[in-house]
C-alpha atoms as a PDB file:
ATOM      1  CA  MET A   1      84.586 -58.538-125.189  1.00  0.00           C
ATOM      2  CA  HIS A   2      82.504 -55.369-125.270  1.00  0.00           C
ATOM      3  CA  PRO A   3      82.932 -52.802-122.564  1.00  0.00           C
ATOM      4  CA  HIS A   4      80.080 -52.391-120.086  1.00  0.00           C
ATOM      5  CA  PRO A   5      77.882 -49.436-120.928  1.00  0.00           C
ATOM      6  CA  SER A   6      78.475 -47.972-117.508  1.00  0.00           C
ATOM      7  CA  SER A   7      82.128 -47.376-118.384  1.00  0.00           C
ATOM      8  CA  ASN A   8      81.111 -44.436-120.574  1.00  0.00           C
ATOM      9  CA  ILE A   9      79.143 -42.622-117.897  1.00  0.00           C
ATOM     10  CA  HIS A  10      81.989 -40.278-117.068  1.00  0.00           C
ATOM     11  CA  ALA A  11      83.309 -40.195-120.607  1.00  0.00           C
ATOM     12  CA  ARG A  12      80.607 -37.959-121.933  1.00  0.00           C
ATOM     13  CA  ARG A  13      80.279 -34.986-119.745  1.00  0.00           C
ATOM     14  CA  GLY A  14      77.347 -32.696-120.117  1.00  0.00           C
ATOM     15  CA  THR A  15      75.034 -35.495-121.295  1.00  0.00           C
ATOM     16  CA  THR A  16      71.993 -36.862-119.486  1.00  0.00           C
ATOM     17  CA  ILE A  17      71.756 -40.614-119.186  1.00  0.00           C
ATOM     18  CA  PRO A  18      68.305 -42.111-118.749  1.00  0.00           C
ATOM     19  CA  SER A  19      67.858 -44.130-115.595  1.00  0.00           C
ATOM     20  CA  ALA A  20      66.848 -47.141-117.625  1.00  0.00           C
ATOM     21  CA  CYS A  21      70.288 -47.261-119.248  1.00  0.00           C
ATOM     22  CA  VAL A  22      72.220 -47.281-116.015  1.00  0.00           C
ATOM     23  CA  GLU A  23      72.078 -50.450-114.054  1.00  0.00           C
ATOM     24  CA  GLY A  24      72.457 -50.391-110.296  1.00  0.00           C
ATOM     25  CA  THR A  25      72.061 -46.599-109.956  1.00  0.00           C
ATOM     26  CA  THR A  26      69.380 -44.519-108.154  1.00  0.00           C
ATOM     27  CA  VAL A  27      68.240 -41.188-109.523  1.00  0.00           C
ATOM     28  CA  VAL A  28      67.118 -38.653-106.875  1.00  0.00           C
ATOM     29  CA  ALA A  29      64.629 -35.965-107.966  1.00  0.00           C
ATOM     30  CA  PRO A  30      65.717 -32.380-107.240  1.00  0.00           C
ATOM     31  CA  ILE A  31      64.252 -30.811-104.068  1.00  0.00           C
ATOM     32  CA  GLN A  32      61.823 -27.947-104.848  1.00  0.00           C
ATOM     33  CA  PRO A  33      61.882 -24.966-102.435  1.00  0.00           C
ATOM     34  CA  ARG A  34      58.727 -24.556-100.343  1.00  0.00           C
ATOM     35  CA  LYS A  35      56.541 -21.550-100.995  1.00  0.00           C
ATOM     36  CA  LYS A  36      55.993 -19.170 -98.079  1.00  0.00           C
ATOM     37  CA  SER A  37      52.492 -19.148 -96.554  1.00  0.00           C
ATOM     38  CA  SER A  38      50.420 -16.024 -97.315  1.00  0.00           C
ATOM     39  CA  GLY A  39      48.167 -16.257 -94.206  1.00  0.00           C
ATOM     40  CA  VAL A  40      47.452 -13.329 -91.817  1.00  0.00           C
ATOM     41  CA  THR A  41      48.949 -13.431 -88.359  1.00  0.00           C
ATOM     42  CA  LEU A  42      47.027 -12.725 -85.160  1.00  0.00           C
ATOM     43  CA  VAL A  43      48.978  -9.512 -84.629  1.00  0.00           C
ATOM     44  CA  GLU A  44      47.932  -8.200 -88.036  1.00  0.00           C
ATOM     45  CA  VAL A  45      44.292  -9.034 -87.282  1.00  0.00           C
ATOM     46  CA  MET A  46      44.449  -7.195 -83.962  1.00  0.00           C
ATOM     47  CA  VAL A  47      46.017  -4.120 -85.589  1.00  0.00           C
ATOM     48  CA  ALA A  48      43.336  -4.072 -88.280  1.00  0.00           C
ATOM     49  CA  LEU A  49      40.544  -4.369 -85.710  1.00  0.00           C
ATOM     50  CA  THR A  50      42.064  -1.563 -83.642  1.00  0.00           C
ATOM     51  CA  LEU A  51      42.210   0.746 -86.654  1.00  0.00           C
ATOM     52  CA  MET A  52      38.645  -0.114 -87.620  1.00  0.00           C
ATOM     53  CA  ALA A  53      37.420   0.545 -84.075  1.00  0.00           C
ATOM     54  CA  GLY A  54      39.176   3.924 -84.065  1.00  0.00           C
ATOM     55  CA  VAL A  55      37.532   4.920 -87.344  1.00  0.00           C
ATOM     56  CA  MET A  56      34.085   3.856 -86.088  1.00  0.00           C
ATOM     57  CA  LEU A  57      34.499   5.758 -82.807  1.00  0.00           C
ATOM     58  CA  GLY A  58      35.494   8.867 -84.732  1.00  0.00           C
ATOM     59  CA  PHE A  59      32.456   8.526 -86.992  1.00  0.00           C
ATOM     60  CA  ILE A  60      30.088   8.058 -84.037  1.00  0.00           C
ATOM     61  CA  GLY A  61      31.598  11.033 -82.202  1.00  0.00           C
ATOM     62  CA  THR A  62      31.183  13.244 -85.276  1.00  0.00           C
ATOM     63  CA  PHE A  63      27.566  12.121 -85.667  1.00  0.00           C
ATOM     64  CA  ILE A  64      26.733  12.855 -82.011  1.00  0.00           C
ATOM     65  CA  GLN A  65      28.350  16.295 -82.164  1.00  0.00           C
ATOM     66  CA  SER A  66      26.493  17.081 -85.387  1.00  0.00           C
ATOM     67  CA  ARG A  67      23.194  16.100 -83.797  1.00  0.00           C
ATOM     68  CA  ARG A  68      23.891  18.282 -80.748  1.00  0.00           C
ATOM     69  CA  VAL A  69      24.600  21.297 -82.929  1.00  0.00           C
ATOM     70  CA  THR A  70      21.515  20.626 -85.052  1.00  0.00           C
ATOM     71  CA  GLU A  71      19.229  20.225 -82.035  1.00  0.00           C
ATOM     72  CA  SER A  72      20.562  23.400 -80.431  1.00  0.00           C
ATOM     73  CA  SER A  73      20.050  25.358 -83.669  1.00  0.00           C
ATOM     74  CA  VAL A  74      16.500  24.046 -84.150  1.00  0.00           C
ATOM     75  CA  LEU A  75      15.427  24.922 -80.595  1.00  0.00           C
ATOM     76  CA  HIS A  76      17.056  28.350 -80.734  1.00  0.00           C
ATOM     77  CA  ALA A  77      15.304  29.116 -84.023  1.00  0.00           C
ATOM     78  CA  ALA A  78      11.969  27.925 -82.607  1.00  0.00           C
ATOM     79  CA  ALA A  79      12.312  29.991 -79.416  1.00  0.00           C
ATOM     80  CA  THR A  80      13.350  33.100 -81.349  1.00  0.00           C
ATOM     81  CA  SER A  81      10.521  32.684 -83.851  1.00  0.00           C
ATOM     82  CA  MET A  82       7.959  32.240 -81.078  1.00  0.00           C
ATOM     83  CA  THR A  83       9.230  35.311 -79.228  1.00  0.00           C
ATOM     84  CA  TYR A  84       9.066  37.499 -82.320  1.00  0.00           C
ATOM     85  CA  GLY A  85       5.577  36.162 -82.958  1.00  0.00           C
ATOM     86  CA  ILE A  86       4.583  37.390 -79.494  1.00  0.00           C
ATOM     87  CA  ILE A  87       6.186  40.772 -80.186  1.00  0.00           C
ATOM     88  CA  GLU A  88       4.238  41.160 -83.422  1.00  0.00           C
ATOM     89  CA  GLN A  89       1.008  40.466 -81.559  1.00  0.00           C
ATOM     90  CA  ILE A  90       1.940  42.983 -78.852  1.00  0.00           C
ATOM     91  CA  LYS A  91       2.228  45.630 -81.552  1.00  0.00           C
ATOM     92  CA  GLN A  92      -1.402  44.993 -82.498  1.00  0.00           C
ATOM     93  CA  LEU A  93      -2.862  45.156 -78.977  1.00  0.00           C
ATOM     94  CA  ASP A  94      -4.883  48.155 -77.937  1.00  0.00           C
ATOM     95  CA  TYR A  95      -2.474  50.505 -76.201  1.00  0.00           C
ATOM     96  CA  THR A  96      -4.830  51.615 -73.431  1.00  0.00           C
ATOM     97  CA  THR A  97      -6.997  48.591 -72.598  1.00  0.00           C
ATOM     98  CA  LEU A  98      -4.953  45.529 -73.557  1.00  0.00           C
ATOM     99  CA  LEU A  99      -1.340  46.456 -72.836  1.00  0.00           C
ATOM    100  CA  PRO A 100      -1.844  45.137 -70.246  1.00  0.00           C
ATOM    101  CA  SER A 101      -5.451  44.218 -69.587  1.00  0.00           C
ATOM    102  CA  TYR A 102      -6.862  44.574 -66.077  1.00  0.00           C
ATOM    103  CA  GLU A 103     -10.177  43.008 -67.032  1.00  0.00           C
ATOM    104  CA  THR A 104     -10.802  39.360 -66.176  1.00  0.00           C
ATOM    105  CA  ASP A 105     -11.008  37.313 -69.351  1.00  0.00           C
ATOM    106  CA  PRO A 106     -13.705  34.611 -68.997  1.00  0.00           C
ATOM    107  CA  PHE A 107     -11.680  32.328 -71.255  1.00  0.00           C
ATOM    108  CA  ALA A 108      -8.500  32.607 -69.193  1.00  0.00           C
ATOM    109  CA  PRO A 109      -7.522  29.794 -66.807  1.00  0.00           C
ATOM    110  CA  SER A 110      -8.897  30.292 -63.314  1.00  0.00           C
ATOM    111  CA  ALA A 111      -5.430  30.612 -61.784  1.00  0.00           C
ATOM    112  CA  THR A 112      -4.451  33.356 -64.219  1.00  0.00           C
ATOM    113  CA  THR A 113      -5.296  36.820 -62.945  1.00  0.00           C
ATOM    114  CA  PRO A 114      -4.723  40.322 -64.402  1.00  0.00           C
ATOM    115  CA  PRO A 115      -2.721  42.204 -65.383  1.00  0.00           C
ATOM    116  CA  TYR A 116      -1.919  40.177 -68.483  1.00  0.00           C
ATOM    117  CA  PHE A 117      -2.306  40.103 -72.245  1.00  0.00           C
ATOM    118  CA  ARG A 118      -3.453  37.320 -74.506  1.00  0.00           C
ATOM    119  CA  VAL A 119      -1.317  35.927 -77.343  1.00  0.00           C
ATOM    120  CA  ARG A 120      -1.379  32.888 -79.596  1.00  0.00           C
ATOM    121  CA  LEU A 121       1.705  30.645 -79.660  1.00  0.00           C
ATOM    122  CA  ASN A 122       0.606  28.350 -82.483  1.00  0.00           C
ATOM    123  CA  GLN A 123      -2.553  27.242 -84.257  1.00  0.00           C
ATOM    124  CA  SER A 124      -3.922  25.422 -81.227  1.00  0.00           C
ATOM    125  CA  LYS A 125      -2.419  27.145 -78.164  1.00  0.00           C
ATOM    126  CA  VAL A 126      -3.384  30.486 -76.622  1.00  0.00           C
ATOM    127  CA  VAL A 127      -1.798  31.812 -73.433  1.00  0.00           C
ATOM    128  CA  TRP A 128      -2.360  34.745 -71.102  1.00  0.00           C
ATOM    129  CA  LEU A 129       1.035  36.203 -70.195  1.00  0.00           C
ATOM    130  CA  LYS A 130       0.984  37.839 -66.777  1.00  0.00           C
ATOM    131  CA  VAL A 131       3.115  40.959 -66.565  1.00  0.00           C
ATOM    132  CA  VAL A 132       4.798  43.236 -64.063  1.00  0.00           C
ATOM    133  CA  HIS A 133       3.273  46.607 -64.902  1.00  0.00           C
ATOM    134  CA  THR A 134       4.944  49.758 -63.660  1.00  0.00           C
ATOM    135  CA  THR A 135       2.566  52.706 -63.915  1.00  0.00           C
ATOM    136  CA  ALA A 136       4.943  55.296 -62.485  1.00  0.00           C
ATOM    137  CA  GLY A 137       7.156  56.581 -65.242  1.00  0.00           C
ATOM    138  CA  ASN A 138      10.260  57.043 -63.141  1.00  0.00           C
ATOM    139  CA  THR A 139      10.410  53.562 -61.555  1.00  0.00           C
ATOM    140  CA  PRO A 140      11.025  51.002 -64.328  1.00  0.00           C
ATOM    141  CA  LYS A 141      11.431  47.410 -63.195  1.00  0.00           C
ATOM    142  CA  GLY A 142      12.343  45.643 -66.423  1.00  0.00           C
ATOM    143  CA  PRO A 143      15.929  44.301 -66.444  1.00  0.00           C
ATOM    144  CA  THR A 144      18.407  46.193 -68.585  1.00  0.00           C
ATOM    145  CA  THR A 145      20.550  43.088 -69.161  1.00  0.00           C
ATOM    146  CA  THR A 146      19.775  39.428 -69.721  1.00  0.00           C
ATOM    147  CA  PRO A 147      19.535  37.664 -66.341  1.00  0.00           C
ATOM    148  CA  ASP A 148      21.876  34.756 -65.790  1.00  0.00           C
ATOM    149  CA  ALA A 149      20.465  31.292 -66.502  1.00  0.00           C
ATOM    150  CA  SER A 150      20.622  30.431 -62.799  1.00  0.00           C
ATOM    151  CA  VAL A 151      18.415  33.392 -61.783  1.00  0.00           C
ATOM    152  CA  LYS A 152      14.842  32.526 -60.786  1.00  0.00           C
ATOM    153  CA  ALA A 153      11.792  34.674 -61.531  1.00  0.00           C
ATOM    154  CA  ALA A 154      11.257  35.494 -57.860  1.00  0.00           C
ATOM    155  CA  ASP A 155      14.862  36.703 -57.562  1.00  0.00           C
ATOM    156  CA  ILE A 156      14.161  39.717 -59.773  1.00  0.00           C
ATOM    157  CA  GLY A 157      10.466  40.207 -59.082  1.00  0.00           C
ATOM    158  CA  ALA A 158       9.234  38.599 -62.298  1.00  0.00           C
ATOM    159  CA  ILE A 159       6.104  36.524 -62.887  1.00  0.00           C
ATOM    160  CA  ASP A 160       6.886  33.144 -64.422  1.00  0.00           C
ATOM    161  CA  ASN A 161       4.698  32.214 -67.403  1.00  0.00           C
ATOM    162  CA  TYR A 162       5.222  28.564 -68.343  1.00  0.00           C
ATOM    163  CA  THR A 163       4.010  27.784 -71.857  1.00  0.00           C
ATOM    164  CA  GLY A 164       3.980  24.006 -71.460  1.00  0.00           C
ATOM    165  CA  SER A 165       5.202  21.593 -74.121  1.00  0.00           C
ATOM    166  CA  ILE A 166       4.818  23.028 -77.601  1.00  0.00           C
ATOM    167  CA  PRO A 167       5.353  20.574 -80.491  1.00  0.00           C
ATOM    168  CA  LEU A 168       7.606  21.614 -83.335  1.00  0.00           C
ATOM    169  CA  SER A 169       6.436  20.482 -86.759  1.00  0.00           C
ATOM    170  CA  THR A 170       8.635  19.191 -89.560  1.00  0.00           C
ATOM    171  CA  VAL A 171       8.311  20.082 -93.225  1.00  0.00           C
ATOM    172  CA  THR A 172       5.758  17.289 -93.635  1.00  0.00           C
ATOM    173  CA  GLY A 173       3.667  18.641 -90.762  1.00  0.00           C
ATOM    174  CA  THR A 174       4.401  15.844 -88.294  1.00  0.00           C
ATOM    175  CA  ALA A 175       5.492  16.685 -84.735  1.00  0.00           C
ATOM    176  CA  SER A 176       9.093  15.601 -84.213  1.00  0.00           C
ATOM    177  CA  GLN A 177      10.268  17.612 -81.203  1.00  0.00           C
ATOM    178  CA  GLN A 178       8.958  19.776 -78.376  1.00  0.00           C
ATOM    179  CA  ILE A 179      10.015  22.993 -76.733  1.00  0.00           C
ATOM    180  CA  ASN A 180       9.159  24.246 -73.243  1.00  0.00           C
ATOM    181  CA  MET A 181       9.495  27.945 -72.539  1.00  0.00           C
ATOM    182  CA  ASN A 182       9.283  30.231 -69.531  1.00  0.00           C
ATOM    183  CA  ILE A 183       8.447  33.853 -70.361  1.00  0.00           C
ATOM    184  CA  TRP A 184       8.799  36.874 -68.071  1.00  0.00           C
ATOM    185  CA  VAL A 185       7.241  40.179 -69.108  1.00  0.00           C
ATOM    186  CA  TRP A 186       7.639  43.731 -67.808  1.00  0.00           C
ATOM    187  CA  ILE A 187       5.699  46.742 -69.072  1.00  0.00           C
ATOM    188  CA  ASP A 188       7.204  50.037 -67.935  1.00  0.00           C
ATOM    189  CA  GLU A 189       5.627  53.424 -68.579  1.00  0.00           C
ATOM    190  CA  ILE A 190       8.167  55.885 -69.940  1.00  0.00           C
ATOM    191  CA  PRO A 191       7.976  59.339 -68.270  1.00  0.00           C
ATOM    192  CA  ASP A 192       5.973  61.900 -70.217  1.00  0.00           C
ATOM    193  CA  GLY A 193       8.884  64.303 -69.988  1.00  0.00           C
ATOM    194  CA  ASP A 194      10.911  61.999 -72.249  1.00  0.00           C
ATOM    195  CA  ALA A 195       8.128  60.875 -74.597  1.00  0.00           C
ATOM    196  CA  SER A 196       4.372  61.045 -74.728  1.00  0.00           C
ATOM    197  CA  GLU A 197       2.405  57.832 -74.139  1.00  0.00           C
ATOM    198  CA  VAL A 198       5.192  55.308 -74.656  1.00  0.00           C
ATOM    199  CA  LYS A 199       5.638  51.923 -73.021  1.00  0.00           C
ATOM    200  CA  LYS A 200       8.726  49.766 -72.860  1.00  0.00           C
ATOM    201  CA  ILE A 201       8.009  46.021 -73.011  1.00  0.00           C
ATOM    202  CA  THR A 202      10.756  43.662 -71.860  1.00  0.00           C
ATOM    203  CA  LEU A 203      10.510  39.931 -72.569  1.00  0.00           C
ATOM    204  CA  VAL A 204      12.897  37.408 -71.059  1.00  0.00           C
ATOM    205  CA  TYR A 205      12.451  33.890 -72.405  1.00  0.00           C
ATOM    206  CA  THR A 206      14.093  30.692 -71.223  1.00  0.00           C
ATOM    207  CA  TYR A 207      14.162  27.178 -72.633  1.00  0.00           C
ATOM    208  CA  SER A 208      16.182  24.063 -71.879  1.00  0.00           C
ATOM    209  CA  TYR A 209      17.141  20.790 -73.522  1.00  0.00           C
ATOM    210  CA  LEU A 210      19.160  17.689 -72.676  1.00  0.00           C
ATOM    211  CA  ASP A 211      22.652  17.465 -74.142  1.00  0.00           C
ATOM    212  CA  GLY A 212      23.410  13.837 -73.343  1.00  0.00           C
ATOM    213  CA  ARG A 213      22.982  13.775 -69.564  1.00  0.00           C
ATOM    214  CA  VAL A 214      23.536  17.499 -69.113  1.00  0.00           C
ATOM    215  CA  GLU A 215      20.644  19.961 -69.121  1.00  0.00           C
ATOM    216  CA  ARG A 216      21.430  23.106 -71.104  1.00  0.00           C
ATOM    217  CA  VAL A 217      19.511  26.245 -70.141  1.00  0.00           C
ATOM    218  CA  ILE A 218      19.307  29.053 -72.705  1.00  0.00           C
ATOM    219  CA  ARG A 219      18.013  32.509 -71.822  1.00  0.00           C
ATOM    220  CA  ASP A 220      17.656  35.674 -73.894  1.00  0.00           C
ATOM    221  CA  ARG A 221      15.972  39.068 -73.736  1.00  0.00           C
ATOM    222  CA  GLU A 222      14.015  41.240 -76.165  1.00  0.00           C
ATOM    223  CA  VAL A 223      12.965  44.853 -75.636  1.00  0.00           C
ATOM    224  CA  ILE A 224      10.448  46.795 -77.722  1.00  0.00           C
ATOM    225  CA  ILE A 225       9.106  50.334 -77.494  1.00  0.00           C
ATOM    226  CA  ARG A 226       5.393  50.708 -78.096  1.00  0.00           C
ATOM    227  CA  THR A 227       3.662  54.043 -78.585  1.00  0.00           C
ATOM    228  CA  ARG A 228      -0.012  54.775 -78.644  1.00  0.00           C
ATOM    229  CA  PHE A 229       0.223  55.831 -82.283  1.00  0.00           C
ATOM    230  CA  ASP A 230       1.762  52.599 -83.599  1.00  0.00           C
ATOM    231  CA  GLN A 231      -1.594  51.141 -84.605  1.00  0.00           C
END
């Protein structure tokens, strides 16, 4: 009688017996470990969105600040350039008859009365700047310091000359921005004992612009000495 094949199952250790050779046995497949899921949690999404929002807010804030600085620089350069343009024209005016003029200019606006002098602000705009003229050499009225931005023309006896909206051109020649200026002018005769036939011209110019919801008012002063022999 031959021994049953199953009697040798434990006899040979370290060997693998096919399931077909073992009657009445059940072979269980080994359990494989589950792989961890690589998905993103809600907390991680919220953290990422918060960081992204912070970066975007920083970028927007930098852009707004850069635009404010640029706009302020452009307007300041335009106002300064316009003022120096007026000064250069003052240097060319006739010392006796046009600085200032007491004659009524037929081309001047009806509400504009002497004394004043005529200057060109740009290619298409001419203005008559009314002045406070002091003929007595020992009583100058022009301010010796720049008036505060809150000071009105009437507070210091000035005449307010409003230029209206003046377009600023870009490199291509298209109008991209405007500037509005108020100009106050004093012409004081310097006493003959100090100098002969000399006038001191004081210009105070003011402009404003919106910085967000806040209106910024900028004011500055220029003083020139004009003699009869400059021409």
